[in-house]
N, C-alpha and C. Protein backbone atom coordinates (compact mmCIF):
# COMPACT_ATOMS: atom_id res chain seq x y z
N MET A 1 0.83 -1.19 0.00
CA MET A 1 0.00 0.00 -0.01
C MET A 1 0.89 1.24 0.00
N GLY A 2 0.56 2.17 -0.88
CA GLY A 2 1.29 3.43 -0.93
C GLY A 2 0.76 4.45 0.05
N LEU A 3 1.57 5.43 0.35
CA LEU A 3 1.16 6.51 1.25
C LEU A 3 0.47 7.60 0.48
N LEU A 4 -0.43 8.31 1.14
CA LEU A 4 -1.04 9.51 0.59
C LEU A 4 -0.33 10.69 1.24
N THR A 5 0.36 11.45 0.41
CA THR A 5 1.15 12.62 0.87
C THR A 5 0.50 13.89 0.35
N PHE A 6 0.20 14.80 1.29
CA PHE A 6 -0.36 16.10 0.93
C PHE A 6 0.80 17.06 0.77
N GLY A 7 1.01 17.55 -0.45
CA GLY A 7 2.08 18.49 -0.72
C GLY A 7 1.53 19.79 -1.29
N ILE A 8 1.91 20.94 -0.65
CA ILE A 8 1.34 22.20 -1.07
C ILE A 8 2.24 23.38 -0.67
N ASN A 9 2.12 24.46 -1.39
CA ASN A 9 2.76 25.73 -1.03
C ASN A 9 1.84 26.43 -0.03
N VAL A 10 2.45 27.00 1.02
CA VAL A 10 1.67 27.72 2.02
C VAL A 10 2.50 28.90 2.54
N THR A 11 1.83 30.04 2.78
CA THR A 11 2.51 31.20 3.35
C THR A 11 2.52 31.05 4.87
N LEU A 12 3.21 31.93 5.53
CA LEU A 12 3.30 31.89 6.99
C LEU A 12 1.93 32.02 7.66
N ASP A 13 1.02 32.75 7.02
CA ASP A 13 -0.32 32.91 7.60
C ASP A 13 -1.32 31.87 7.06
N GLY A 14 -0.81 30.83 6.41
CA GLY A 14 -1.66 29.72 6.01
C GLY A 14 -2.32 29.83 4.64
N CYS A 15 -2.01 30.88 3.89
CA CYS A 15 -2.62 31.07 2.57
C CYS A 15 -2.08 30.01 1.58
N VAL A 16 -2.97 29.37 0.86
CA VAL A 16 -2.59 28.36 -0.14
C VAL A 16 -2.93 28.82 -1.56
N ASP A 17 -3.13 30.10 -1.77
CA ASP A 17 -3.36 30.66 -3.10
C ASP A 17 -2.06 30.46 -3.89
N HIS A 18 -2.15 29.75 -5.02
CA HIS A 18 -0.95 29.40 -5.78
C HIS A 18 -0.17 30.64 -6.26
N ARG A 19 -0.80 31.80 -6.31
CA ARG A 19 -0.12 33.00 -6.80
C ARG A 19 0.74 33.64 -5.71
N GLU A 20 0.64 33.17 -4.47
CA GLU A 20 1.39 33.76 -3.36
C GLU A 20 2.73 33.14 -3.07
N GLY A 21 2.99 31.99 -3.66
CA GLY A 21 4.28 31.32 -3.44
C GLY A 21 5.37 31.86 -4.33
N ILE A 22 6.59 31.53 -4.00
CA ILE A 22 7.75 31.90 -4.82
C ILE A 22 7.88 30.83 -5.90
N ALA A 23 7.75 31.23 -7.15
CA ALA A 23 7.84 30.30 -8.28
C ALA A 23 9.18 30.47 -8.94
N ASP A 24 10.17 29.69 -8.49
CA ASP A 24 11.51 29.74 -9.06
C ASP A 24 12.00 28.32 -9.32
N ASP A 25 13.21 28.20 -9.84
CA ASP A 25 13.75 26.90 -10.14
C ASP A 25 13.82 26.00 -8.91
N GLU A 26 14.14 26.58 -7.76
CA GLU A 26 14.27 25.80 -6.54
C GLU A 26 12.94 25.22 -6.07
N THR A 27 11.89 26.01 -6.12
CA THR A 27 10.58 25.48 -5.69
C THR A 27 10.05 24.50 -6.70
N HIS A 28 10.29 24.71 -7.97
CA HIS A 28 9.87 23.73 -8.98
C HIS A 28 10.63 22.43 -8.80
N ALA A 29 11.90 22.52 -8.50
CA ALA A 29 12.71 21.30 -8.27
C ALA A 29 12.19 20.54 -7.06
N PHE A 30 11.74 21.24 -6.02
CA PHE A 30 11.17 20.60 -4.85
C PHE A 30 9.94 19.78 -5.22
N PHE A 31 9.01 20.40 -5.98
CA PHE A 31 7.77 19.70 -6.34
C PHE A 31 8.03 18.63 -7.41
N THR A 32 9.04 18.83 -8.25
CA THR A 32 9.39 17.78 -9.21
C THR A 32 9.89 16.54 -8.46
N ARG A 33 10.69 16.74 -7.45
CA ARG A 33 11.20 15.64 -6.63
C ARG A 33 10.03 14.90 -5.96
N LEU A 34 9.09 15.65 -5.40
CA LEU A 34 7.91 15.02 -4.79
C LEU A 34 7.14 14.19 -5.80
N MET A 35 6.92 14.78 -6.98
CA MET A 35 6.17 14.07 -8.01
C MET A 35 6.94 12.81 -8.46
N ASP A 36 8.25 12.91 -8.60
CA ASP A 36 9.06 11.78 -9.00
C ASP A 36 8.97 10.63 -7.98
N GLN A 37 8.84 10.94 -6.72
CA GLN A 37 8.79 9.93 -5.69
C GLN A 37 7.45 9.19 -5.66
N GLY A 38 6.39 9.82 -6.12
CA GLY A 38 5.06 9.24 -6.07
C GLY A 38 4.68 8.57 -7.36
N GLY A 39 3.67 7.73 -7.26
CA GLY A 39 3.18 6.99 -8.41
C GLY A 39 2.04 7.66 -9.12
N ALA A 40 1.36 8.61 -8.48
CA ALA A 40 0.20 9.26 -9.08
C ALA A 40 -0.05 10.58 -8.39
N MET A 41 -0.83 11.42 -9.09
CA MET A 41 -1.28 12.71 -8.52
C MET A 41 -2.76 12.60 -8.20
N LEU A 42 -3.21 13.33 -7.19
CA LEU A 42 -4.62 13.37 -6.83
C LEU A 42 -5.03 14.80 -6.58
N TRP A 43 -6.07 15.26 -7.30
CA TRP A 43 -6.56 16.62 -7.17
C TRP A 43 -8.08 16.65 -7.09
N GLY A 44 -8.58 17.78 -6.62
CA GLY A 44 -9.98 18.10 -6.77
C GLY A 44 -10.16 18.76 -8.13
N ARG A 45 -11.42 18.95 -8.52
CA ARG A 45 -11.72 19.48 -9.86
C ARG A 45 -11.10 20.86 -10.06
N VAL A 46 -11.21 21.76 -9.10
CA VAL A 46 -10.70 23.11 -9.29
C VAL A 46 -9.20 23.12 -9.54
N THR A 47 -8.47 22.37 -8.76
CA THR A 47 -7.00 22.28 -8.97
C THR A 47 -6.70 21.64 -10.32
N TYR A 48 -7.41 20.58 -10.65
CA TYR A 48 -7.21 19.90 -11.93
C TYR A 48 -7.40 20.91 -13.07
N GLU A 49 -8.47 21.68 -13.04
CA GLU A 49 -8.75 22.63 -14.11
C GLU A 49 -7.69 23.71 -14.19
N MET A 50 -7.20 24.17 -13.04
CA MET A 50 -6.14 25.17 -13.03
C MET A 50 -4.88 24.57 -13.69
N MET A 51 -4.53 23.36 -13.30
CA MET A 51 -3.34 22.70 -13.85
C MET A 51 -3.52 22.40 -15.33
N GLU A 52 -4.68 21.90 -15.69
CA GLU A 52 -4.97 21.52 -17.08
C GLU A 52 -4.93 22.75 -18.02
N SER A 53 -5.25 23.93 -17.49
CA SER A 53 -5.28 25.11 -18.34
C SER A 53 -3.89 25.63 -18.69
N TYR A 54 -2.83 25.13 -18.06
CA TYR A 54 -1.50 25.69 -18.29
C TYR A 54 -0.42 24.65 -18.59
N TRP A 55 -0.31 23.62 -17.79
CA TRP A 55 0.84 22.73 -17.87
C TRP A 55 0.93 21.89 -19.14
N PRO A 56 -0.16 21.41 -19.72
CA PRO A 56 -0.01 20.68 -20.98
C PRO A 56 0.63 21.54 -22.10
N ALA A 57 0.30 22.83 -22.13
CA ALA A 57 0.88 23.71 -23.12
C ALA A 57 2.38 23.91 -22.87
N VAL A 58 2.77 23.95 -21.61
CA VAL A 58 4.23 24.06 -21.28
C VAL A 58 4.93 22.78 -21.73
N ALA A 59 4.32 21.62 -21.45
CA ALA A 59 4.91 20.33 -21.82
C ALA A 59 5.09 20.23 -23.33
N ARG A 60 4.13 20.73 -24.09
CA ARG A 60 4.21 20.69 -25.57
C ARG A 60 5.20 21.72 -26.13
N GLY A 61 5.61 22.67 -25.34
CA GLY A 61 6.49 23.73 -25.80
C GLY A 61 5.73 24.90 -26.43
N ASP A 62 4.41 24.94 -26.21
CA ASP A 62 3.59 26.02 -26.74
C ASP A 62 3.72 27.30 -25.91
N VAL A 63 4.22 27.18 -24.70
CA VAL A 63 4.40 28.30 -23.78
C VAL A 63 5.86 28.34 -23.40
N ALA A 64 6.48 29.52 -23.48
CA ALA A 64 7.88 29.65 -23.05
C ALA A 64 7.95 29.50 -21.53
N ALA A 65 8.91 28.70 -21.06
CA ALA A 65 9.05 28.46 -19.64
C ALA A 65 10.50 28.14 -19.32
N PRO A 66 10.97 28.50 -18.12
CA PRO A 66 12.33 28.14 -17.70
C PRO A 66 12.49 26.60 -17.68
N PRO A 67 13.73 26.12 -17.75
CA PRO A 67 13.98 24.68 -17.80
C PRO A 67 13.31 23.88 -16.66
N ALA A 68 13.34 24.38 -15.43
CA ALA A 68 12.78 23.64 -14.29
C ALA A 68 11.26 23.49 -14.47
N MET A 69 10.61 24.53 -14.94
CA MET A 69 9.15 24.48 -15.17
C MET A 69 8.82 23.51 -16.31
N ARG A 70 9.61 23.54 -17.34
CA ARG A 70 9.40 22.64 -18.47
C ARG A 70 9.58 21.19 -18.03
N ALA A 71 10.61 20.92 -17.24
CA ALA A 71 10.86 19.58 -16.74
C ALA A 71 9.70 19.08 -15.90
N TRP A 72 9.17 19.95 -15.07
CA TRP A 72 7.99 19.63 -14.26
C TRP A 72 6.82 19.29 -15.18
N ALA A 73 6.58 20.10 -16.18
CA ALA A 73 5.44 19.92 -17.06
C ALA A 73 5.53 18.61 -17.84
N VAL A 74 6.72 18.26 -18.31
CA VAL A 74 6.89 17.03 -19.08
C VAL A 74 6.62 15.83 -18.18
N LYS A 75 7.16 15.84 -16.96
CA LYS A 75 6.94 14.75 -16.04
C LYS A 75 5.49 14.66 -15.60
N LEU A 76 4.85 15.79 -15.41
CA LEU A 76 3.44 15.82 -15.03
C LEU A 76 2.55 15.24 -16.14
N GLU A 77 2.93 15.53 -17.37
CA GLU A 77 2.20 15.02 -18.53
C GLU A 77 2.12 13.49 -18.49
N ALA A 78 3.22 12.87 -18.11
CA ALA A 78 3.33 11.41 -18.10
C ALA A 78 2.75 10.75 -16.85
N LYS A 79 2.53 11.52 -15.81
CA LYS A 79 2.12 10.98 -14.50
C LYS A 79 0.60 10.69 -14.52
N PRO A 80 0.17 9.57 -13.93
CA PRO A 80 -1.28 9.35 -13.75
C PRO A 80 -1.86 10.43 -12.86
N LYS A 81 -3.00 10.97 -13.27
CA LYS A 81 -3.65 12.06 -12.54
C LYS A 81 -5.08 11.61 -12.21
N TYR A 82 -5.44 11.64 -10.93
CA TYR A 82 -6.77 11.24 -10.50
C TYR A 82 -7.50 12.48 -9.97
N VAL A 83 -8.79 12.56 -10.30
CA VAL A 83 -9.56 13.76 -10.00
C VAL A 83 -10.86 13.41 -9.29
N VAL A 84 -11.10 14.13 -8.19
CA VAL A 84 -12.34 13.98 -7.44
C VAL A 84 -13.25 15.12 -7.86
N SER A 85 -14.42 14.79 -8.40
CA SER A 85 -15.37 15.83 -8.83
C SER A 85 -16.78 15.23 -8.82
N SER A 86 -17.71 16.03 -8.32
CA SER A 86 -19.11 15.60 -8.39
C SER A 86 -19.81 16.27 -9.58
N THR A 87 -19.12 17.19 -10.26
CA THR A 87 -19.76 17.94 -11.33
C THR A 87 -19.16 17.67 -12.71
N ARG A 88 -17.95 17.19 -12.77
CA ARG A 88 -17.33 16.98 -14.07
C ARG A 88 -17.00 15.49 -14.23
N LYS A 89 -17.25 14.99 -15.43
CA LYS A 89 -17.03 13.57 -15.69
C LYS A 89 -15.99 13.32 -16.76
N ASP A 90 -15.67 14.35 -17.57
CA ASP A 90 -14.75 14.22 -18.70
C ASP A 90 -13.42 14.85 -18.32
N PHE A 91 -12.35 14.09 -18.41
CA PHE A 91 -11.00 14.56 -18.03
C PHE A 91 -10.06 14.20 -19.19
N PRO A 92 -9.99 15.03 -20.24
CA PRO A 92 -9.21 14.68 -21.44
C PRO A 92 -7.70 14.79 -21.32
N TRP A 93 -7.18 15.47 -20.32
CA TRP A 93 -5.73 15.60 -20.19
C TRP A 93 -5.12 14.21 -20.09
N THR A 94 -4.00 14.02 -20.74
CA THR A 94 -3.31 12.73 -20.78
C THR A 94 -3.20 12.07 -19.39
N HIS A 95 -3.56 10.80 -19.35
CA HIS A 95 -3.46 9.98 -18.13
C HIS A 95 -4.32 10.48 -16.97
N SER A 96 -5.44 11.10 -17.27
CA SER A 96 -6.36 11.59 -16.22
C SER A 96 -7.51 10.63 -16.02
N HIS A 97 -7.89 10.45 -14.76
CA HIS A 97 -8.92 9.47 -14.41
C HIS A 97 -9.82 10.03 -13.31
N PRO A 98 -11.12 9.83 -13.43
CA PRO A 98 -12.03 10.28 -12.36
C PRO A 98 -11.99 9.33 -11.18
N ILE A 99 -12.18 9.90 -9.98
CA ILE A 99 -12.41 9.11 -8.77
C ILE A 99 -13.90 9.16 -8.53
N ALA A 100 -14.52 8.00 -8.55
CA ALA A 100 -15.98 7.92 -8.42
C ALA A 100 -16.39 7.11 -7.20
N GLY A 101 -17.65 7.31 -6.81
CA GLY A 101 -18.18 6.53 -5.69
C GLY A 101 -17.81 7.11 -4.34
N ASP A 102 -17.87 6.28 -3.34
CA ASP A 102 -17.56 6.68 -1.97
C ASP A 102 -16.10 7.15 -1.89
N LEU A 103 -15.88 8.37 -1.38
CA LEU A 103 -14.55 8.99 -1.37
C LEU A 103 -13.56 8.14 -0.57
N ARG A 104 -13.93 7.71 0.62
CA ARG A 104 -13.01 6.92 1.46
C ARG A 104 -12.59 5.65 0.74
N THR A 105 -13.57 4.93 0.22
CA THR A 105 -13.29 3.64 -0.47
C THR A 105 -12.44 3.86 -1.72
N ALA A 106 -12.80 4.85 -2.51
CA ALA A 106 -12.08 5.09 -3.77
C ALA A 106 -10.64 5.51 -3.55
N VAL A 107 -10.40 6.41 -2.58
CA VAL A 107 -9.04 6.86 -2.32
C VAL A 107 -8.21 5.75 -1.66
N GLN A 108 -8.82 4.99 -0.77
CA GLN A 108 -8.10 3.87 -0.18
C GLN A 108 -7.70 2.84 -1.24
N LYS A 109 -8.60 2.63 -2.20
CA LYS A 109 -8.33 1.72 -3.30
C LYS A 109 -7.16 2.24 -4.14
N LEU A 110 -7.13 3.56 -4.38
CA LEU A 110 -6.04 4.15 -5.14
C LEU A 110 -4.72 4.01 -4.39
N LYS A 111 -4.74 4.25 -3.08
CA LYS A 111 -3.52 4.05 -2.28
C LYS A 111 -3.04 2.62 -2.35
N ASP A 112 -3.96 1.69 -2.23
CA ASP A 112 -3.62 0.27 -2.26
C ASP A 112 -3.03 -0.13 -3.61
N ALA A 113 -3.49 0.47 -4.67
CA ALA A 113 -3.04 0.13 -6.04
C ALA A 113 -1.79 0.89 -6.49
N THR A 114 -1.30 1.80 -5.63
CA THR A 114 -0.19 2.66 -6.01
C THR A 114 0.94 2.55 -4.97
N PRO A 115 1.77 1.51 -5.07
CA PRO A 115 2.81 1.26 -4.05
C PRO A 115 3.78 2.43 -3.88
N ALA A 116 4.03 3.20 -4.96
CA ALA A 116 4.95 4.34 -4.87
C ALA A 116 4.33 5.52 -4.14
N GLY A 117 3.01 5.48 -3.91
CA GLY A 117 2.33 6.54 -3.19
C GLY A 117 1.64 7.52 -4.12
N VAL A 118 0.78 8.29 -3.50
CA VAL A 118 -0.05 9.27 -4.21
C VAL A 118 0.23 10.64 -3.63
N LEU A 119 0.45 11.62 -4.51
CA LEU A 119 0.71 13.00 -4.09
C LEU A 119 -0.58 13.80 -4.26
N LEU A 120 -1.10 14.28 -3.14
CA LEU A 120 -2.33 15.08 -3.11
C LEU A 120 -1.95 16.55 -3.17
N GLY A 121 -2.57 17.31 -4.06
CA GLY A 121 -2.21 18.75 -4.19
C GLY A 121 -3.38 19.70 -4.19
N SER A 122 -4.43 19.38 -3.48
CA SER A 122 -5.62 20.26 -3.42
C SER A 122 -6.00 20.51 -1.96
N GLY A 123 -6.07 21.80 -1.63
CA GLY A 123 -6.38 22.17 -0.25
C GLY A 123 -7.74 21.73 0.26
N LYS A 124 -8.80 21.98 -0.49
CA LYS A 124 -10.14 21.60 -0.03
C LYS A 124 -10.26 20.08 0.04
N LEU A 125 -9.73 19.38 -0.95
CA LEU A 125 -9.78 17.94 -0.94
C LEU A 125 -8.97 17.37 0.23
N ALA A 126 -7.85 18.00 0.56
CA ALA A 126 -7.04 17.56 1.69
C ALA A 126 -7.85 17.62 2.97
N THR A 127 -8.65 18.65 3.15
CA THR A 127 -9.48 18.74 4.35
C THR A 127 -10.44 17.55 4.42
N GLU A 128 -11.06 17.24 3.32
CA GLU A 128 -12.02 16.11 3.31
C GLU A 128 -11.27 14.78 3.56
N LEU A 129 -10.13 14.60 2.93
CA LEU A 129 -9.39 13.33 3.13
C LEU A 129 -8.77 13.23 4.50
N ASP A 130 -8.41 14.37 5.10
CA ASP A 130 -7.92 14.33 6.47
C ASP A 130 -9.04 13.99 7.44
N ARG A 131 -10.25 14.48 7.17
CA ARG A 131 -11.39 14.11 8.01
C ARG A 131 -11.62 12.60 7.96
N LEU A 132 -11.25 11.97 6.85
CA LEU A 132 -11.44 10.52 6.68
C LEU A 132 -10.18 9.75 7.13
N ASP A 133 -9.21 10.43 7.73
CA ASP A 133 -7.97 9.81 8.21
C ASP A 133 -7.19 9.10 7.12
N LEU A 134 -7.18 9.64 5.92
CA LEU A 134 -6.49 9.01 4.81
C LEU A 134 -5.10 9.59 4.49
N ILE A 135 -4.79 10.77 5.03
CA ILE A 135 -3.50 11.39 4.72
C ILE A 135 -2.43 10.83 5.68
N ASP A 136 -1.34 10.38 5.10
CA ASP A 136 -0.25 9.78 5.88
C ASP A 136 0.90 10.74 6.15
N GLU A 137 1.20 11.57 5.14
CA GLU A 137 2.34 12.50 5.27
C GLU A 137 1.99 13.85 4.69
N TYR A 138 2.76 14.86 5.11
CA TYR A 138 2.55 16.24 4.69
C TYR A 138 3.89 16.80 4.24
N GLU A 139 3.94 17.35 3.03
CA GLU A 139 5.13 18.04 2.51
C GLU A 139 4.71 19.45 2.24
N LEU A 140 4.99 20.33 3.19
CA LEU A 140 4.57 21.73 3.10
C LEU A 140 5.79 22.58 2.72
N LEU A 141 5.65 23.36 1.66
CA LEU A 141 6.68 24.32 1.31
C LEU A 141 6.21 25.67 1.85
N VAL A 142 6.78 26.07 2.99
CA VAL A 142 6.37 27.28 3.70
C VAL A 142 7.14 28.47 3.16
N HIS A 143 6.42 29.41 2.57
CA HIS A 143 7.03 30.57 1.95
C HIS A 143 7.11 31.75 2.92
N PRO A 144 8.19 32.54 2.85
CA PRO A 144 8.39 33.66 3.76
C PRO A 144 7.55 34.87 3.38
N ARG A 145 6.26 34.64 3.42
CA ARG A 145 5.31 35.71 3.03
C ARG A 145 4.10 35.65 3.93
N ILE A 146 3.50 36.82 4.15
CA ILE A 146 2.20 36.88 4.82
C ILE A 146 1.25 37.46 3.78
N ALA A 147 0.32 36.64 3.34
CA ALA A 147 -0.59 37.02 2.27
C ALA A 147 -1.72 37.95 2.75
N GLY A 148 -2.22 37.68 3.94
CA GLY A 148 -3.29 38.51 4.46
C GLY A 148 -4.67 38.20 3.85
N HIS A 149 -4.74 37.08 3.14
CA HIS A 149 -6.03 36.67 2.52
C HIS A 149 -6.06 35.16 2.38
N GLY A 150 -7.15 34.65 1.92
CA GLY A 150 -7.31 33.20 1.74
C GLY A 150 -7.22 32.86 0.29
N PRO A 151 -7.48 31.62 -0.03
CA PRO A 151 -7.91 30.55 0.87
C PRO A 151 -6.76 30.11 1.76
N THR A 152 -7.15 29.56 2.91
CA THR A 152 -6.16 29.13 3.87
C THR A 152 -6.22 27.60 4.06
N LEU A 153 -5.11 27.09 4.54
CA LEU A 153 -4.98 25.67 4.84
C LEU A 153 -6.02 25.25 5.86
N TYR A 154 -6.77 24.22 5.56
CA TYR A 154 -7.80 23.66 6.45
C TYR A 154 -8.85 24.70 6.87
N GLN A 155 -9.19 25.54 5.94
CA GLN A 155 -10.19 26.58 6.18
C GLN A 155 -11.51 25.98 6.64
N GLY A 156 -11.85 24.80 6.12
CA GLY A 156 -13.10 24.14 6.49
C GLY A 156 -13.07 23.48 7.84
N GLY A 157 -11.92 23.43 8.48
CA GLY A 157 -11.80 22.86 9.81
C GLY A 157 -11.71 21.35 9.82
N LEU A 158 -11.25 20.84 10.94
CA LEU A 158 -11.16 19.40 11.18
C LEU A 158 -11.85 19.08 12.50
N PRO A 159 -12.31 17.84 12.66
CA PRO A 159 -13.00 17.50 13.91
C PRO A 159 -12.09 17.43 15.11
N SER A 160 -10.79 17.26 14.91
CA SER A 160 -9.85 17.22 16.03
C SER A 160 -8.45 17.59 15.54
N THR A 161 -7.58 17.90 16.48
CA THR A 161 -6.21 18.25 16.16
C THR A 161 -5.45 17.03 15.59
N ARG A 162 -4.61 17.25 14.60
CA ARG A 162 -3.78 16.21 14.03
C ARG A 162 -2.38 16.34 14.60
N ARG A 163 -1.91 15.32 15.25
CA ARG A 163 -0.54 15.32 15.78
C ARG A 163 0.38 14.81 14.65
N LEU A 164 1.48 15.52 14.44
CA LEU A 164 2.42 15.18 13.38
C LEU A 164 3.82 15.02 13.98
N GLU A 165 4.63 14.19 13.30
CA GLU A 165 6.02 14.00 13.68
C GLU A 165 6.89 14.58 12.58
N LEU A 166 7.85 15.43 12.94
CA LEU A 166 8.76 16.02 11.97
C LEU A 166 9.68 14.97 11.40
N VAL A 167 9.71 14.86 10.09
CA VAL A 167 10.63 13.97 9.39
C VAL A 167 11.87 14.76 8.97
N SER A 168 11.64 15.95 8.41
CA SER A 168 12.77 16.81 8.01
C SER A 168 12.30 18.23 7.82
N ALA A 169 13.26 19.13 7.90
CA ALA A 169 13.04 20.55 7.60
C ALA A 169 14.27 21.05 6.87
N LYS A 170 14.02 21.62 5.68
CA LYS A 170 15.16 22.03 4.86
C LYS A 170 14.89 23.46 4.36
N PRO A 171 15.74 24.41 4.77
CA PRO A 171 15.60 25.77 4.22
C PRO A 171 16.09 25.83 2.77
N LEU A 172 15.37 26.56 1.95
CA LEU A 172 15.78 26.80 0.58
C LEU A 172 16.46 28.16 0.50
N ARG A 173 17.24 28.37 -0.55
CA ARG A 173 17.97 29.65 -0.73
C ARG A 173 17.01 30.84 -0.82
N ASN A 174 15.77 30.60 -1.32
CA ASN A 174 14.83 31.71 -1.50
C ASN A 174 14.10 32.09 -0.22
N GLY A 175 14.41 31.42 0.87
CA GLY A 175 13.79 31.73 2.16
C GLY A 175 12.65 30.82 2.53
N ALA A 176 12.17 30.02 1.60
CA ALA A 176 11.11 29.06 1.92
C ALA A 176 11.74 27.90 2.71
N VAL A 177 10.91 27.17 3.44
CA VAL A 177 11.36 26.01 4.20
C VAL A 177 10.50 24.82 3.81
N ALA A 178 11.17 23.74 3.40
CA ALA A 178 10.46 22.50 3.06
C ALA A 178 10.28 21.70 4.33
N MET A 179 9.04 21.52 4.75
CA MET A 179 8.72 20.82 5.99
C MET A 179 8.06 19.48 5.65
N HIS A 180 8.62 18.41 6.13
CA HIS A 180 8.09 17.04 5.87
C HIS A 180 7.65 16.48 7.21
N TYR A 181 6.35 16.18 7.30
CA TYR A 181 5.78 15.63 8.54
C TYR A 181 5.11 14.30 8.24
N ARG A 182 5.07 13.44 9.22
CA ARG A 182 4.37 12.18 9.14
C ARG A 182 3.26 12.20 10.20
N ARG A 183 2.12 11.66 9.87
CA ARG A 183 1.02 11.60 10.81
C ARG A 183 1.41 10.72 12.01
N ALA A 184 1.25 11.22 13.18
CA ALA A 184 1.48 10.45 14.41
C ALA A 184 0.24 9.61 14.68
N ARG A 185 0.37 8.34 14.74
CA ARG A 185 -0.80 7.45 14.90
C ARG A 185 -0.84 6.89 16.29
C-alpha cells in the first residue's frame, strides 16, 4: 500500500493561493522531486482545471518556460492524474482518471493500487481526506510571506487536532522552508 502525501505551497499565515508562493527553479525542483517519488497525482476538480489550463501547453512547448518548469510539465504530462469531482465527468488531459463513488473507499483503493504513493495537491480535498484519516504524510513548502487573505490551509476545519512528527526541515535559498511531517498514529 502506498502513502497519501499532501504536498502544497503555504505562506506563513496559512494562505494556499498558488499566486502567493515563490515560483522559481528551486521550488519547482522541490515539487518535481515530490512528483518523482510518487506513483500518481490526486486533485480536486478546481485544482485539476487550473493545472490543465496551463501545464499541458508548457509540456508541448507552446508556452515559453524556464527549464525547471518545463521539466515539471513534461513529467506531469506522463504521470497518472486522479480527479475527485461531483460535477465533471470528462477529463481529457493525458493519463487523467475520475475518482468515483464513496470517497473513502475510492481513495483507499487508489492508495492500495499505487505502491509508490499518491501525491495530493488540493487544499479543499485535503481537508475532506484528512477528516477521513487518509493522509499519511505532509510536505509543506512554507514561503516567507504573509498574504493577508485566503484561501487558507484547512479553512473548512477538522473534527480534532492532528498530531504530526517532523521527518525533516530544509531551508531553501529563496527563504522558503520544506517541511516534511508524518502523521502520528
